[in-house]
C-alpha atoms as a PDB file:
ATOM      1  CA  MET A   1       2.280 -18.814   4.705  1.00  0.00           C
ATOM      2  CA  ASP A   2       3.402 -21.497   2.300  1.00  0.00           C
ATOM      3  CA  GLU A   3       3.370 -19.468  -0.895  1.00  0.00           C
ATOM      4  CA  CYS A   4       2.472 -16.018  -2.105  1.00  0.00           C
ATOM      5  CA  GLN A   5      -0.966 -15.679  -3.655  1.00  0.00           C
ATOM      6  CA  LYS A   6       0.147 -12.903  -5.981  1.00  0.00           C
ATOM      7  CA  GLU A   7      -2.692 -13.200  -8.501  1.00  0.00           C
ATOM      8  CA  LYS A   8      -5.312 -13.159  -5.751  1.00  0.00           C
ATOM      9  CA  ASN A   9      -3.568 -10.241  -4.029  1.00  0.00           C
ATOM     10  CA  LEU A  10      -3.531  -8.244  -7.275  1.00  0.00           C
ATOM     11  CA  THR A  11      -7.337  -8.184  -7.277  1.00  0.00           C
ATOM     12  CA  HIS A  12      -7.162  -6.030  -4.111  1.00  0.00           C
ATOM     13  CA  CYS A  13      -4.041  -4.005  -4.908  1.00  0.00           C
ATOM     14  CA  ASN A  14      -4.754  -0.371  -5.749  1.00  0.00           C
ATOM     15  CA  CYS A  15      -1.120   0.630  -6.252  1.00  0.00           C
ATOM     16  CA  SER A  16      -0.954   2.966  -9.241  1.00  0.00           C
ATOM     17  CA  TYR A  17       2.845   2.856  -9.538  1.00  0.00           C
ATOM     18  CA  ASP A  18       3.081   0.680 -12.644  1.00  0.00           C
ATOM     19  CA  PRO A  19       6.765  -0.314 -12.582  1.00  0.00           C
ATOM     20  CA  CYS A  20       6.505  -1.605  -8.999  1.00  0.00           C
ATOM     21  CA  SER A  21       8.045  -5.063  -8.719  1.00  0.00           C
ATOM     22  CA  ARG A  22       6.248  -5.735  -5.423  1.00  0.00           C
ATOM     23  CA  LYS A  23       2.653  -5.511  -6.706  1.00  0.00           C
ATOM     24  CA  GLY A  24       0.725  -8.463  -5.376  1.00  0.00           C
ATOM     25  CA  VAL A  25       3.578  -9.570  -3.139  1.00  0.00           C
ATOM     26  CA  CYS A  26       2.179  -8.069   0.042  1.00  0.00           C
ATOM     27  CA  CYS A  27       4.907  -9.254   2.399  1.00  0.00           C
ATOM     28  CA  GLU A  28       7.598  -7.529   0.298  1.00  0.00           C
ATOM     29  CA  CYS A  29       5.463  -4.430  -0.207  1.00  0.00           C
ATOM     30  CA  LEU A  30       4.779  -4.000   3.495  1.00  0.00           C
ATOM     31  CA  GLN A  31       8.443  -4.510   4.425  1.00  0.00           C
ATOM     32  CA  TYR A  32       9.591  -2.024   1.781  1.00  0.00           C
ATOM     33  CA  HIS A  33       7.174   0.715   2.790  1.00  0.00           C
ATOM     34  CA  TRP A  34       7.689   0.186   6.523  1.00  0.00           C
ATOM     35  CA  ARG A  35      11.472   0.643   6.061  1.00  0.00           C
ATOM     36  CA  MET A  36      10.634   3.980   4.400  1.00  0.00           C
ATOM     37  CA  GLU A  37       8.313   4.871   7.327  1.00  0.00           C
ATOM     38  CA  GLU A  38       5.353   4.575   4.976  1.00  0.00           C
ATOM     39  CA  LEU A  39       2.317   2.370   4.556  1.00  0.00           C
ATOM     40  CA  PRO A  40       1.366   0.455   1.395  1.00  0.00           C
ATOM     41  CA  ALA A  41      -1.114   1.782  -1.161  1.00  0.00           C
ATOM     42  CA  CYS A  42      -3.852  -0.637  -0.113  1.00  0.00           C
ATOM     43  CA  LEU A  43      -4.322   1.248   3.163  1.00  0.00           C
ATOM     44  CA  PHE A  44      -5.163   4.506   1.380  1.00  0.00           C
ATOM     45  CA  PRO A  45      -8.280   5.550  -0.522  1.00  0.00           C
ATOM     46  CA  ASP A  46      -7.671   5.595  -4.284  1.00  0.00           C
ATOM     47  CA  GLU A  47      -7.579   9.382  -4.589  1.00  0.00           C
ATOM     48  CA  ALA A  48      -4.988   9.666  -1.800  1.00  0.00           C
ATOM     49  CA  GLU A  49      -2.961   6.741  -3.135  1.00  0.00           C
ATOM     50  CA  ARG A  50      -2.496   8.446  -6.499  1.00  0.00           C
ATOM     51  CA  THR A  51      -0.586  11.275  -4.774  1.00  0.00           C
ATOM     52  CA  TYR A  52       2.122   8.734  -3.788  1.00  0.00           C
ATOM     53  CA  ASP A  53       2.208  10.301  -0.314  1.00  0.00           C
ATOM     54  CA  ARG A  54       2.206   7.099   1.688  1.00  0.00           C
ATOM     55  CA  SER A  55       3.556   8.686   4.833  1.00  0.00           C
ATOM     56  CA  LEU A  56       2.229   7.873   8.286  1.00  0.00           C
ATOM     57  CA  ARG A  57       1.408  11.561   8.685  1.00  0.00           C
ATOM     58  CA  ASN A  58      -0.804  11.492   5.577  1.00  0.00           C
ATOM     59  CA  PHE A  59      -2.502   8.273   6.706  1.00  0.00           C
ATOM     60  CA  ILE A  60      -3.342   9.807  10.083  1.00  0.00           C
ATOM     61  CA  ALA A  61      -4.576  13.029   8.472  1.00  0.00           C
ATOM     62  CA  ILE A  62      -6.932  11.065   6.219  1.00  0.00           C
ATOM     63  CA  TYR A  63      -8.375   8.814   8.908  1.00  0.00           C
ATOM     64  CA  GLN A  64      -8.205  10.835  12.143  1.00  0.00           C
ATOM     65  CA  ASP A  65     -11.766  12.111  11.853  1.00  0.00           C
ATOM     66  CA  LYS A  66     -13.253   8.806  10.648  1.00  0.00           C
ATOM     67  CA  VAL A  67     -12.917   6.922  13.922  1.00  0.00           C
END
């Protein structure tokens, strides 16, 4: 990837944490959350994202019955 497409990425970003410096910079966001054993907001439905529980356990609980 030659350059970050931050403005384009922001159109798909549902992160509700306003002071986040990684919004729209997906590569940094993913690395940050993965280090915390979490997933980024964009992988969660809006109502779940607003809880700020981005844990793998929460992700699995949300999607386990949808497969």
